[in-house]
Amino acid sequence: MFRALKLSYNACRISTMIGKNRMVKGNDGSKGRRSKSNFSVGQSIKTGTLLGYVGYMSWSAVDVAEKLKEKGLEEAAEKLKAQNVTGDKLDMITEQRLKEYGLEKGGDRVKVLKFIRQMTTQHNKKIFNDPVHGHIEVHPLCVKIIDTPQFQRLRDLKQIGACYFVYPGASHNRFEHCIGVSHLAGKLTRQLQQEQPELDITNKDILCVEIAGLCHDLGHGPFSHLFDEKFIKAVKPELKWKHEEGSVMMFNYLIKKNDLEKEFKKYGLEERDMDFIVEQIAGPKNGTNGEWPYNGREKAKGYLYEVVANKRNGIDVDKWDYFARDCHGLGIPNPFDHNRFMKFARVIKFDDSLQICSRDKEAETLYSMFQIRVALHRRACQHRVSNSVQAMIVDALIAANETKLVPKKDGSLIKISDCITCPEAYTKLSDSIFHVILMSTDKKLAEARSILQRILQRKLYRCVGETSPKQTTDKTNVKELRKKIMTFILQKSDGKLKETDLYIDIVCLDYGAETENPIKHVNFYNKNNIDEAISINRDKVSLMLPNVFAEHIIRVYYKKTDNNISEKASSLFKKWCDSHDYQSQTRIPDDT
């Protein structure tokens, strides 16, 4: 039996008012109707106290001073009052700013910052029960985002696409993954805030990072990476479109469509903060002439851009969640403990930038993290049967793309591939397109329907052989290699095979940095000098670590069901492997 949806979202967001017009039985046995109560079950699990998150923002400078005096911080009260610091400015107070205000005692500055952080986090968070991270707190602004059609769409996007046709437990989706990433993003930044107050990480910084983590996958299409990496590349080869672009489009549309601008302002987020969120979702930029490429945060806070999507070394909360969540769903052990890594995370200056570093003793643990990535791709994401199903779904989508299927607001229809520039249509595009095509009676969709019906009947494309080159093939040579194999097989087949009968899949398995060692870009620190970033050579970690960090697998699939022709394709591929000194593995018969 397939595992039920793991994130009990509606059940955990208990906010139903109790006592409304309910029949009750008194102590004397009499019955009556209970009056509507002002207490809700949801309030019993809120983390806010007397003042909501917005309450402190209405304080005057006198109110702020009075609150500080109640904490025994008379000098700080006078200093902040003299600077006319009101409640809506509290979250912008940093240690450096307190120095500028004339608060000389370091101990007092720490107490003031602690007070500010306590007050500015006293908002009514909701508690979600997540199967991977347990009970997690979600900021009310994040809840507003979650409660939109654009975000709810992620419930119908499988996290690892076609793997669900191989692993019955791989039913988890982008919805729960994004909530998990948001949770880990907030957890990591709070850890840094608490351990290194000199970094001046504000609660507003944390909220922005949480929102970026929550919305980073809004732009994924049907069956996740299959959509942008296979389908869009096939039907719009002139575009270099990636799901990150779709995420930015959907984020902006989500805010406008659901009138959330006022909600963002309510929590103190301004245009600069919106830029910061979008920049994290869009991914890293390369500065020109050494200039800082971002508008959202200054270079001194550049390490915040490494939390959700770290392109420098690939260590980020997005991976941590999908490692844990994919392993949970697939039934594969996950040896990497992201909570331990957070405990040792520290921001240190290296060269001319601040970077998130780890303890030197954690180096081997990080290698195991990247090994999990390889294991997940080898055993699930790039499983030969999973890739067979994936190829069939892509072919079905290509066949269906000339037919307009997805409705816009005005009721008109557009093609699947055109949805990437139309957010209102993209909101309606999800894995459900699979069944939309299946249920259609349109004759134009006959070919697409036939392919999808074969998937349900388990008449999949057959893998007739696979091999691994002795040396990793460069990305630029992959197309040429595929062309050479196809040409050889077709020329030797005596006309029995056509190009449309075959699918040649070249899979790259790596540690996340193509052929490079990803740890090469990670810096560490020693407990004897926690403020100095150091590099650690692979040989100093262990002599048992790999020398090669990427490999390719070449697979040939036969699309039709003729056993004799599939055997012919298999033998021809074996001949090609022999002529190029490749070790081949025959897959005939291939019981997919």
Protein backbone atom coordinates (compact mmCIF):
# COMPACT_ATOMS: atom_id res chain seq x y z
CA MET A 1 0.00 0.00 0.00
CA PHE A 2 1.35 3.38 -0.90
CA ARG A 3 2.32 5.52 2.04
CA ALA A 4 -0.19 8.21 2.93
CA LEU A 5 0.72 11.85 2.59
CA LYS A 6 3.23 12.47 5.27
CA LEU A 7 2.69 16.12 6.05
CA SER A 8 -0.56 16.45 7.96
CA TYR A 9 -0.82 20.10 7.11
CA ASN A 10 -4.48 20.77 7.71
CA ALA A 11 -4.62 18.61 10.83
CA CYS A 12 -1.66 20.36 12.42
CA ARG A 13 -2.81 23.90 11.72
CA ILE A 14 -5.55 23.63 14.30
CA SER A 15 -7.33 26.94 14.41
CA THR A 16 -11.02 26.00 14.61
CA MET A 17 -12.91 27.89 17.28
CA ILE A 18 -14.30 25.59 19.94
CA GLY A 19 -17.55 25.93 21.72
CA LYS A 20 -19.53 27.52 18.89
CA ASN A 21 -23.20 26.56 19.32
CA ARG A 22 -22.29 23.18 20.79
CA MET A 23 -24.71 21.28 23.00
CA VAL A 24 -23.21 20.79 26.48
CA LYS A 25 -24.29 18.91 29.57
CA GLY A 26 -24.06 20.75 32.86
CA ASN A 27 -23.09 19.33 36.25
CA ASP A 28 -26.77 19.18 37.16
CA GLY A 29 -27.56 17.07 34.09
CA SER A 30 -29.26 19.91 32.22
CA LYS A 31 -28.48 20.55 28.56
CA GLY A 32 -27.91 23.83 26.81
CA ARG A 33 -25.93 25.58 24.12
CA ARG A 34 -22.46 26.77 24.95
CA SER A 35 -21.82 30.35 23.93
CA LYS A 36 -19.12 31.05 21.39
CA SER A 37 -15.72 31.02 23.09
CA ASN A 38 -12.93 33.51 22.42
CA PHE A 39 -10.40 30.76 22.94
CA SER A 40 -9.26 28.64 20.03
CA VAL A 41 -7.39 25.37 19.98
CA GLY A 42 -4.87 27.05 17.70
CA GLN A 43 -3.96 29.48 20.47
CA SER A 44 -2.87 26.61 22.68
CA ILE A 45 0.03 25.89 20.35
CA LYS A 46 0.99 29.42 19.45
CA THR A 47 4.45 30.52 20.51
CA GLY A 48 3.59 34.20 20.90
CA THR A 49 2.95 35.72 24.31
CA LEU A 50 1.07 38.87 25.34
CA LEU A 51 2.25 40.99 22.45
CA GLY A 52 1.89 39.82 18.86
CA TYR A 53 4.65 40.35 16.34
CA VAL A 54 2.97 43.51 15.11
CA GLY A 55 2.27 44.90 18.60
CA TYR A 56 5.79 46.13 19.35
CA MET A 57 5.94 47.89 15.98
CA SER A 58 3.42 50.46 17.24
CA TRP A 59 5.58 51.46 20.24
CA SER A 60 6.77 55.04 20.50
CA ALA A 61 10.34 55.89 21.52
CA VAL A 62 9.02 56.43 25.09
CA ASP A 63 7.43 52.93 25.08
CA VAL A 64 10.71 51.36 23.97
CA ALA A 65 12.57 53.19 26.72
CA GLU A 66 10.07 52.07 29.36
CA LYS A 67 10.40 48.43 28.31
CA LEU A 68 14.18 48.65 28.55
CA LYS A 69 13.96 50.21 32.00
CA GLU A 70 11.75 47.31 33.14
CA LYS A 71 14.69 45.07 32.23
CA GLY A 72 17.08 47.20 34.30
CA LEU A 73 18.69 48.77 31.22
CA GLU A 74 18.33 52.45 32.20
CA GLU A 75 21.38 53.68 30.29
CA ALA A 76 20.32 51.88 27.12
CA ALA A 77 16.80 53.27 27.52
CA GLU A 78 18.10 56.83 27.57
CA LYS A 79 20.45 56.25 24.61
CA LEU A 80 17.75 54.73 22.39
CA LYS A 81 15.21 57.37 23.43
CA ALA A 82 17.69 60.11 22.47
CA GLN A 83 18.00 58.50 19.03
CA ASN A 84 14.17 58.31 18.75
CA VAL A 85 14.22 54.54 18.32
CA THR A 86 10.60 53.44 17.92
CA GLY A 87 9.21 49.91 17.84
CA ASP A 88 9.26 49.62 14.07
CA LYS A 89 13.01 50.29 14.13
CA LEU A 90 13.89 47.71 16.78
CA ASP A 91 14.64 44.91 14.35
CA MET A 92 17.27 47.08 12.64
CA ILE A 93 19.27 47.60 15.83
CA THR A 94 22.68 45.92 15.67
CA GLU A 95 25.64 45.81 18.03
CA GLN A 96 27.49 48.30 15.84
CA ARG A 97 24.56 50.69 15.96
CA LEU A 98 24.41 50.45 19.76
CA LYS A 99 28.09 51.40 19.86
CA GLU A 100 27.32 54.40 17.70
CA TYR A 101 24.55 55.37 20.12
CA GLY A 102 27.18 55.51 22.88
CA LEU A 103 26.42 52.29 24.73
CA GLU A 104 29.97 51.43 25.75
CA LYS A 105 29.49 48.33 27.93
CA GLY A 106 29.58 45.13 25.87
CA GLY A 107 27.45 43.30 28.43
CA ASP A 108 24.70 45.91 28.16
CA ARG A 109 24.76 45.71 24.37
CA VAL A 110 24.30 41.93 24.53
CA LYS A 111 21.36 42.32 26.95
CA VAL A 112 19.70 44.91 24.71
CA LEU A 113 20.09 42.73 21.63
CA LYS A 114 18.70 39.74 23.54
CA PHE A 115 15.70 41.81 24.63
CA ILE A 116 15.08 43.02 21.06
CA ARG A 117 15.23 39.51 19.64
CA GLN A 118 12.82 38.23 22.25
CA MET A 119 10.34 41.01 21.54
CA THR A 120 10.57 40.81 17.76
CA THR A 121 9.98 37.06 17.71
CA GLN A 122 6.85 37.22 19.88
CA HIS A 123 4.50 36.53 17.01
CA ASN A 124 1.92 33.82 16.60
CA LYS A 125 3.67 31.00 14.83
CA LYS A 126 1.83 27.88 13.70
CA ILE A 127 3.01 24.38 14.46
CA PHE A 128 3.29 21.91 11.57
CA ASN A 129 3.97 18.22 12.10
CA ASP A 130 6.57 17.13 9.55
CA PRO A 131 7.57 13.44 9.16
CA VAL A 132 11.26 14.34 8.80
CA HIS A 133 11.83 17.30 11.15
CA GLY A 134 9.05 16.71 13.66
CA HIS A 135 7.05 19.64 15.04
CA ILE A 136 8.23 22.84 13.39
CA GLU A 137 7.24 26.47 13.89
CA VAL A 138 6.12 28.41 10.83
CA HIS A 139 6.06 32.21 10.73
CA PRO A 140 2.59 33.72 10.11
CA LEU A 141 3.80 35.43 6.94
CA CYS A 142 5.00 32.06 5.65
CA VAL A 143 1.57 30.65 6.48
CA LYS A 144 0.01 33.40 4.36
CA ILE A 145 2.22 32.31 1.46
CA ILE A 146 1.42 28.63 2.01
CA ASP A 147 -2.31 29.38 1.92
CA THR A 148 -2.28 30.42 -1.75
CA PRO A 149 -3.13 28.42 -4.89
CA GLN A 150 0.39 29.00 -6.24
CA PHE A 151 1.98 27.29 -3.24
CA GLN A 152 -0.72 24.64 -2.80
CA ARG A 153 0.07 23.57 -6.38
CA LEU A 154 3.29 22.04 -5.02
CA ARG A 155 1.23 19.29 -3.35
CA ASP A 156 0.79 17.81 -6.82
CA LEU A 157 4.46 17.85 -7.83
CA LYS A 158 6.35 14.69 -6.86
CA GLN A 159 9.71 15.54 -5.33
CA ILE A 160 11.63 12.97 -7.39
CA GLY A 161 9.33 12.73 -10.37
CA ALA A 162 9.19 9.39 -12.15
CA CYS A 163 10.83 7.54 -9.22
CA TYR A 164 7.33 7.03 -7.84
CA PHE A 165 6.80 4.47 -10.63
CA VAL A 166 9.70 2.43 -9.22
CA TYR A 167 9.66 3.19 -5.47
CA PRO A 168 6.12 3.04 -4.02
CA GLY A 169 7.23 5.16 -1.07
CA ALA A 170 8.53 8.04 -3.21
CA SER A 171 5.23 9.88 -2.96
CA HIS A 172 6.60 12.93 -1.15
CA ASN A 173 6.16 16.26 -2.89
CA ARG A 174 7.57 19.75 -3.35
CA PHE A 175 5.03 21.13 -0.87
CA GLU A 176 6.49 19.39 2.16
CA HIS A 177 10.05 19.78 0.86
CA CYS A 178 9.70 23.58 0.64
CA ILE A 179 8.29 23.80 4.17
CA GLY A 180 11.23 21.68 5.36
CA VAL A 181 13.78 23.88 3.59
CA SER A 182 12.22 27.00 5.13
CA HIS A 183 12.46 25.40 8.59
CA LEU A 184 16.13 24.46 8.15
CA ALA A 185 16.98 27.88 6.69
CA GLY A 186 15.57 29.59 9.78
CA LYS A 187 17.23 27.10 12.10
CA LEU A 188 20.69 27.59 10.61
CA THR A 189 20.52 31.39 10.54
CA ARG A 190 19.24 31.51 14.14
CA GLN A 191 22.10 29.29 15.20
CA LEU A 192 24.55 31.75 13.62
CA GLN A 193 22.69 34.69 15.16
CA GLN A 194 22.88 33.21 18.65
CA GLU A 195 26.48 32.01 18.46
CA GLN A 196 27.89 35.06 16.69
CA PRO A 197 25.97 38.22 17.70
CA GLU A 198 28.73 40.31 16.12
CA LEU A 199 27.38 39.27 12.70
CA ASP A 200 24.37 41.52 13.34
CA ILE A 201 21.93 39.02 11.85
CA THR A 202 18.48 40.54 12.38
CA ASN A 203 15.17 38.73 12.66
CA LYS A 204 14.26 40.37 9.39
CA ASP A 205 17.28 38.66 7.78
CA ILE A 206 16.06 35.34 9.16
CA LEU A 207 12.51 35.87 7.91
CA CYS A 208 13.79 36.71 4.42
CA VAL A 209 15.90 33.55 4.33
CA GLU A 210 12.93 31.47 5.54
CA ILE A 211 10.69 32.89 2.80
CA ALA A 212 13.37 32.22 0.16
CA GLY A 213 13.61 28.61 1.34
CA LEU A 214 9.84 28.30 1.28
CA CYS A 215 9.48 29.65 -2.26
CA HIS A 216 12.65 28.37 -3.93
CA ASP A 217 10.83 25.58 -5.82
CA LEU A 218 7.64 27.41 -6.84
CA GLY A 219 8.76 27.23 -10.47
CA HIS A 220 9.11 23.46 -10.82
CA GLY A 221 6.97 21.93 -13.54
CA PRO A 222 5.34 18.49 -13.84
CA PHE A 223 7.54 15.70 -12.47
CA SER A 224 10.08 18.27 -11.21
CA HIS A 225 13.46 18.29 -13.01
CA LEU A 226 12.08 16.28 -15.91
CA PHE A 227 10.17 19.39 -17.03
CA ASP A 228 12.97 21.95 -17.33
CA GLU A 229 15.93 19.64 -17.95
CA LYS A 230 14.30 17.36 -20.55
CA PHE A 231 10.96 18.62 -21.87
CA ILE A 232 11.60 22.37 -22.19
CA LYS A 233 15.06 21.71 -23.64
CA ALA A 234 13.47 19.49 -26.29
CA VAL A 235 10.61 21.80 -27.35
CA LYS A 236 12.34 25.15 -26.81
CA PRO A 237 16.04 24.41 -27.47
CA GLU A 238 16.76 28.09 -28.03
CA LEU A 239 15.89 28.88 -24.40
CA LYS A 240 18.13 28.33 -21.41
CA TRP A 241 15.14 28.34 -19.09
CA LYS A 242 15.50 26.83 -15.61
CA HIS A 243 13.00 26.29 -12.86
CA GLU A 244 14.63 29.07 -10.81
CA GLU A 245 13.30 31.57 -13.35
CA GLY A 246 9.87 30.02 -12.95
CA SER A 247 10.18 30.31 -9.17
CA VAL A 248 10.87 34.04 -9.38
CA MET A 249 7.94 34.48 -11.77
CA MET A 250 5.58 32.54 -9.52
CA PHE A 251 6.79 34.29 -6.35
CA ASN A 252 6.10 37.73 -7.80
CA TYR A 253 2.75 36.57 -9.16
CA LEU A 254 1.80 34.95 -5.84
CA ILE A 255 2.33 38.22 -3.96
CA LYS A 256 0.41 40.33 -6.46
CA LYS A 257 -2.44 37.88 -7.07
CA ASN A 258 -3.12 37.30 -3.36
CA ASP A 259 -2.62 40.93 -2.31
CA LEU A 260 0.24 40.07 0.04
CA GLU A 261 2.16 43.33 -0.36
CA LYS A 262 0.46 44.70 2.76
CA GLU A 263 1.30 41.51 4.68
CA PHE A 264 4.99 41.88 3.83
CA LYS A 265 4.91 45.53 4.92
CA LYS A 266 3.08 44.53 8.08
CA TYR A 267 6.13 42.51 9.13
CA GLY A 268 8.54 45.29 8.18
CA LEU A 269 9.75 43.89 4.84
CA GLU A 270 10.65 46.61 2.36
CA GLU A 271 11.73 46.69 -1.28
CA ARG A 272 15.34 45.86 -0.36
CA ASP A 273 14.16 42.78 1.54
CA MET A 274 12.06 41.68 -1.43
CA ASP A 275 15.17 41.96 -3.60
CA PHE A 276 17.04 39.81 -1.10
CA ILE A 277 14.39 37.08 -1.21
CA VAL A 278 14.24 37.07 -5.02
CA GLU A 279 18.04 37.01 -5.32
CA GLN A 280 18.21 33.90 -3.15
CA ILE A 281 15.50 32.18 -5.21
CA ALA A 282 17.10 33.15 -8.55
CA GLY A 283 20.51 31.77 -7.59
CA PRO A 284 24.02 33.22 -7.55
CA LYS A 285 25.22 36.05 -9.75
CA ASN A 286 28.75 36.78 -10.87
CA GLY A 287 29.92 40.29 -10.14
CA THR A 288 31.59 42.37 -12.83
CA ASN A 289 35.01 43.90 -12.11
CA GLY A 290 34.89 42.55 -8.57
CA GLU A 291 31.69 44.46 -7.75
CA TRP A 292 29.16 43.01 -5.31
CA PRO A 293 26.32 41.74 -7.57
CA TYR A 294 23.43 41.86 -5.10
CA ASN A 295 21.07 44.62 -3.96
CA GLY A 296 19.27 42.83 -1.14
CA ARG A 297 22.15 42.59 1.31
CA GLU A 298 25.61 44.08 1.48
CA LYS A 299 28.78 42.04 1.02
CA ALA A 300 29.27 41.82 4.79
CA LYS A 301 26.22 39.56 4.86
CA GLY A 302 27.09 37.61 1.73
CA TYR A 303 27.15 34.35 3.68
CA LEU A 304 23.34 34.55 3.95
CA TYR A 305 23.17 33.82 0.22
CA GLU A 306 24.77 30.43 0.96
CA VAL A 307 22.02 29.17 3.24
CA VAL A 308 19.30 28.13 0.76
CA ALA A 309 21.35 27.54 -2.41
CA ASN A 310 25.11 27.40 -1.97
CA LYS A 311 26.74 27.28 -5.41
CA ARG A 312 30.23 27.73 -3.96
CA ASN A 313 30.41 24.25 -2.44
CA GLY A 314 26.89 22.79 -2.55
CA ILE A 315 26.40 22.63 1.22
CA ASP A 316 22.97 24.15 1.81
CA VAL A 317 19.65 23.48 3.54
CA ASP A 318 17.93 22.56 0.25
CA LYS A 319 20.16 19.49 -0.02
CA TRP A 320 19.86 18.67 3.67
CA ASP A 321 16.10 18.47 3.42
CA TYR A 322 15.94 16.47 0.22
CA PHE A 323 18.63 14.05 1.43
CA ALA A 324 16.65 13.38 4.60
CA ARG A 325 13.24 13.41 2.90
CA ASP A 326 14.22 11.29 -0.11
CA CYS A 327 15.95 8.73 2.11
CA HIS A 328 12.86 8.65 4.35
CA GLY A 329 10.56 8.03 1.39
CA LEU A 330 12.81 5.61 -0.45
CA GLY A 331 13.77 3.56 2.59
CA ILE A 332 17.47 4.33 2.17
CA PRO A 333 19.57 5.07 5.31
CA ASN A 334 20.85 8.65 5.63
CA PRO A 335 24.15 8.79 7.55
CA PHE A 336 24.47 12.59 7.36
CA ASP A 337 23.25 14.55 10.39
CA HIS A 338 22.51 18.13 9.35
CA ASN A 339 21.69 19.10 12.94
CA ARG A 340 25.25 18.25 13.96
CA PHE A 341 26.64 20.29 11.08
CA MET A 342 24.62 23.33 12.24
CA LYS A 343 26.13 23.10 15.71
CA PHE A 344 29.61 23.45 14.21
CA ALA A 345 28.71 26.08 11.58
CA ARG A 346 30.60 29.34 11.97
CA VAL A 347 30.98 32.42 9.76
CA ILE A 348 34.64 33.30 9.22
CA LYS A 349 36.40 35.67 6.84
CA PHE A 350 38.34 33.94 4.07
CA ASP A 351 40.17 36.04 1.49
CA ASP A 352 37.83 39.01 1.09
CA SER A 353 34.49 37.47 2.04
CA LEU A 354 32.67 35.97 5.01
CA GLN A 355 31.82 32.29 4.51
CA ILE A 356 30.02 29.60 6.48
CA CYS A 357 32.73 27.21 7.71
CA SER A 358 32.75 24.02 9.76
CA ARG A 359 34.98 22.32 12.34
CA ASP A 360 37.99 20.52 10.89
CA LYS A 361 36.86 17.22 12.43
CA GLU A 362 33.67 17.36 10.32
CA ALA A 363 35.52 17.08 6.99
CA GLU A 364 34.97 13.34 6.63
CA THR A 365 31.30 13.77 7.55
CA LEU A 366 30.90 16.20 4.66
CA TYR A 367 32.33 13.64 2.25
CA SER A 368 29.63 11.24 3.45
CA MET A 369 27.04 13.94 2.72
CA PHE A 370 28.11 14.09 -0.92
CA GLN A 371 28.28 10.31 -1.09
CA ILE A 372 24.59 10.26 -0.11
CA ARG A 373 23.90 12.48 -3.11
CA VAL A 374 25.61 9.98 -5.40
CA ALA A 375 23.79 7.05 -3.78
CA LEU A 376 20.38 8.70 -4.19
CA HIS A 377 21.04 9.44 -7.85
CA ARG A 378 22.44 5.99 -8.58
CA ARG A 379 19.76 4.02 -6.75
CA ALA A 380 16.70 6.19 -7.38
CA CYS A 381 16.86 9.44 -9.36
CA GLN A 382 18.90 7.86 -12.19
CA HIS A 383 17.64 4.29 -11.79
CA ARG A 384 17.43 2.72 -15.26
CA VAL A 385 13.72 1.90 -14.94
CA SER A 386 12.94 5.33 -13.48
CA ASN A 387 14.75 6.91 -16.42
CA SER A 388 12.79 4.71 -18.81
CA VAL A 389 9.52 6.04 -17.38
CA GLN A 390 10.94 9.54 -17.42
CA ALA A 391 11.81 9.25 -21.14
CA MET A 392 8.27 8.04 -21.87
CA ILE A 393 6.67 10.94 -19.98
CA VAL A 394 8.88 13.40 -21.88
CA ASP A 395 7.88 11.83 -25.21
CA ALA A 396 4.22 12.01 -24.20
CA LEU A 397 4.51 15.68 -23.23
CA ILE A 398 6.28 16.47 -26.51
CA ALA A 399 3.55 14.68 -28.46
CA ALA A 400 0.87 16.60 -26.51
CA ASN A 401 2.58 19.97 -26.73
CA GLU A 402 1.03 20.99 -30.04
CA THR A 403 -2.42 20.72 -28.48
CA LYS A 404 -3.53 23.58 -26.25
CA LEU A 405 -4.46 22.04 -22.92
CA VAL A 406 -3.86 24.47 -20.04
CA PRO A 407 -6.49 27.14 -19.28
CA LYS A 408 -5.72 30.80 -18.61
CA LYS A 409 -7.87 33.15 -16.57
CA ASP A 410 -10.03 34.13 -19.53
CA GLY A 411 -10.78 30.49 -20.33
CA SER A 412 -8.56 30.31 -23.40
CA LEU A 413 -6.08 27.44 -23.64
CA ILE A 414 -2.33 27.48 -24.22
CA LYS A 415 0.33 24.86 -24.91
CA ILE A 416 2.15 23.17 -22.03
CA SER A 417 5.50 24.73 -22.97
CA ASP A 418 4.01 28.24 -23.13
CA CYS A 419 3.03 28.08 -19.46
CA ILE A 420 6.57 29.03 -18.43
CA THR A 421 5.79 32.66 -19.32
CA CYS A 422 2.18 32.66 -18.09
CA PRO A 423 1.93 32.40 -14.28
CA GLU A 424 -1.85 32.07 -14.20
CA ALA A 425 -1.65 29.01 -16.46
CA TYR A 426 1.45 27.67 -14.66
CA THR A 427 -0.59 27.68 -11.44
CA LYS A 428 -2.77 24.98 -13.01
CA LEU A 429 0.11 22.91 -14.46
CA SER A 430 1.25 19.99 -12.30
CA ASP A 431 1.74 16.23 -12.38
CA SER A 432 -2.01 16.02 -13.02
CA ILE A 433 -1.28 16.73 -16.71
CA PHE A 434 -0.50 12.99 -16.90
CA HIS A 435 -4.16 12.16 -16.19
CA VAL A 436 -5.51 15.11 -18.17
CA ILE A 437 -3.94 13.56 -21.28
CA LEU A 438 -5.09 10.05 -20.33
CA MET A 439 -8.71 11.13 -19.85
CA SER A 440 -8.85 13.21 -23.01
CA THR A 441 -10.68 11.89 -26.07
CA ASP A 442 -9.01 14.36 -28.42
CA LYS A 443 -7.64 12.49 -31.44
CA LYS A 444 -4.65 14.85 -31.50
CA LEU A 445 -3.57 13.37 -28.18
CA ALA A 446 -3.76 9.74 -29.32
CA GLU A 447 0.03 9.29 -29.47
CA ALA A 448 0.59 10.88 -26.05
CA ARG A 449 -2.22 8.78 -24.55
CA SER A 450 -0.77 5.61 -26.00
CA ILE A 451 2.64 6.27 -24.41
CA LEU A 452 1.13 7.00 -20.98
CA GLN A 453 -1.09 3.91 -21.18
CA ARG A 454 2.04 1.84 -21.80
CA ILE A 455 3.47 3.18 -18.55
CA LEU A 456 0.39 2.05 -16.63
CA GLN A 457 0.55 -1.34 -18.36
CA ARG A 458 4.27 -1.58 -17.52
CA LYS A 459 5.23 -1.87 -21.19
CA LEU A 460 8.22 0.40 -20.75
CA TYR A 461 11.10 1.37 -23.00
CA ARG A 462 13.63 -1.48 -22.71
CA CYS A 463 17.17 -0.80 -21.57
CA VAL A 464 19.09 -3.04 -24.01
CA GLY A 465 22.54 -2.26 -22.64
CA GLU A 466 24.66 0.08 -20.57
CA THR A 467 28.29 0.96 -20.08
CA SER A 468 30.52 3.39 -18.23
CA PRO A 469 33.38 5.21 -19.99
CA LYS A 470 36.77 4.73 -18.35
CA GLN A 471 37.13 8.47 -18.19
CA THR A 472 34.44 10.98 -17.29
CA THR A 473 32.93 12.52 -20.38
CA ASP A 474 32.92 16.30 -20.48
CA LYS A 475 29.48 17.90 -20.80
CA THR A 476 30.42 19.41 -24.15
CA ASN A 477 31.20 15.92 -25.52
CA VAL A 478 27.98 14.25 -24.36
CA LYS A 479 26.02 15.29 -27.48
CA GLU A 480 28.81 14.10 -29.77
CA LEU A 481 29.08 10.77 -27.96
CA ARG A 482 25.31 10.20 -28.22
CA LYS A 483 25.44 10.99 -31.94
CA LYS A 484 28.31 8.53 -32.54
CA ILE A 485 26.49 5.66 -30.80
CA MET A 486 23.26 6.36 -32.66
CA THR A 487 25.02 6.55 -36.03
CA PHE A 488 26.90 3.27 -35.46
CA ILE A 489 23.76 1.34 -34.45
CA LEU A 490 21.64 2.67 -37.32
CA GLN A 491 24.31 2.00 -39.95
CA LYS A 492 24.81 -1.59 -38.77
CA SER A 493 21.11 -2.42 -38.36
CA ASP A 494 20.40 -3.02 -42.07
CA GLY A 495 17.47 -0.64 -41.92
CA LYS A 496 15.74 -2.52 -39.11
CA LEU A 497 16.18 0.35 -36.66
CA LYS A 498 15.26 4.02 -36.96
CA GLU A 499 16.43 6.91 -34.81
CA THR A 500 12.95 7.26 -33.35
CA ASP A 501 13.15 3.64 -32.12
CA LEU A 502 16.04 4.39 -29.76
CA TYR A 503 16.70 6.58 -26.78
CA ILE A 504 20.30 7.05 -25.65
CA ASP A 505 20.56 8.27 -22.09
CA ILE A 506 23.88 9.57 -20.74
CA VAL A 507 23.72 9.92 -16.97
CA CYS A 508 26.25 11.90 -14.95
CA LEU A 509 26.80 10.86 -11.34
CA ASP A 510 28.90 13.32 -9.35
CA TYR A 511 29.38 14.91 -5.95
CA GLY A 512 27.61 18.10 -7.03
CA ALA A 513 30.61 19.89 -8.55
CA GLU A 514 30.93 17.95 -11.82
CA THR A 515 34.45 16.48 -11.90
CA GLU A 516 35.77 18.56 -8.99
CA ASN A 517 36.08 17.63 -5.36
CA PRO A 518 33.38 19.82 -3.71
CA ILE A 519 35.28 19.89 -0.40
CA LYS A 520 37.95 21.87 -2.25
CA HIS A 521 35.68 24.90 -1.83
CA VAL A 522 34.84 24.28 1.84
CA ASN A 523 36.75 26.03 4.60
CA PHE A 524 37.16 24.82 8.16
CA TYR A 525 38.38 26.05 11.53
CA ASN A 526 40.21 24.49 14.47
CA LYS A 527 38.96 24.68 18.04
CA ASN A 528 42.22 26.38 19.02
CA ASN A 529 41.57 29.25 16.59
CA ILE A 530 37.89 29.57 15.79
CA ASP A 531 38.31 32.80 13.81
CA GLU A 532 40.78 31.55 11.21
CA ALA A 533 39.47 29.76 8.11
CA ILE A 534 41.64 26.93 6.80
CA SER A 535 41.53 24.49 3.89
CA ILE A 536 42.00 20.77 4.44
CA ASN A 537 43.60 18.59 1.81
CA ARG A 538 41.75 15.35 1.00
CA ASP A 539 44.76 13.20 2.00
CA LYS A 540 44.74 14.73 5.49
CA VAL A 541 41.16 13.60 6.00
CA SER A 542 41.53 9.95 4.99
CA LEU A 543 43.49 7.86 2.52
CA MET A 544 40.29 5.95 1.75
CA LEU A 545 38.48 8.88 0.11
CA PRO A 546 37.82 8.82 -3.66
CA ASN A 547 40.20 10.20 -6.28
CA VAL A 548 37.46 10.54 -8.91
CA PHE A 549 34.35 12.60 -8.21
CA ALA A 550 32.23 11.94 -11.29
CA GLU A 551 31.35 9.19 -13.72
CA HIS A 552 29.00 8.68 -16.65
CA ILE A 553 26.64 5.83 -17.44
CA ILE A 554 25.58 5.31 -21.05
CA ARG A 555 22.28 3.47 -21.53
CA VAL A 556 20.51 2.52 -24.74
CA TYR A 557 16.74 2.04 -24.67
CA TYR A 558 14.58 0.42 -27.33
CA LYS A 559 11.18 2.12 -27.45
CA LYS A 560 9.12 -0.54 -29.18
CA THR A 561 8.11 -4.02 -28.05
CA ASP A 562 9.60 -6.26 -30.76
CA ASN A 563 11.88 -8.74 -28.92
CA ASN A 564 13.94 -9.64 -32.00
CA ILE A 565 14.72 -6.01 -32.82
CA SER A 566 15.55 -5.23 -29.20
CA GLU A 567 18.08 -8.08 -29.23
CA LYS A 568 19.53 -6.65 -32.44
CA ALA A 569 19.91 -3.22 -30.81
CA SER A 570 21.55 -4.83 -27.79
CA SER A 571 24.13 -6.74 -29.86
CA LEU A 572 24.98 -3.65 -31.93
CA PHE A 573 25.52 -1.57 -28.81
CA LYS A 574 27.79 -4.30 -27.45
CA LYS A 575 29.81 -4.19 -30.69
CA TRP A 576 30.18 -0.43 -30.33
CA CYS A 577 31.38 -0.88 -26.72
CA ASP A 578 33.90 -3.56 -27.79
CA SER A 579 35.27 -1.34 -30.57
CA HIS A 580 35.81 1.49 -28.07
CA ASP A 581 37.15 -0.74 -25.27
CA TYR A 582 34.11 -0.12 -23.04
CA GLN A 583 32.80 -2.78 -20.68
CA SER A 584 29.16 -3.38 -21.63
CA GLN A 585 26.34 -4.91 -19.62
CA THR A 586 23.61 -6.51 -21.67
CA ARG A 587 20.05 -5.99 -20.50
CA ILE A 588 18.26 -8.58 -22.65
CA PRO A 589 15.81 -9.69 -21.49
CA ASP A 590 15.17 -6.48 -19.54
CA ASP A 591 12.40 -7.14 -17.05
CA THR A 592 11.31 -3.58 -16.46
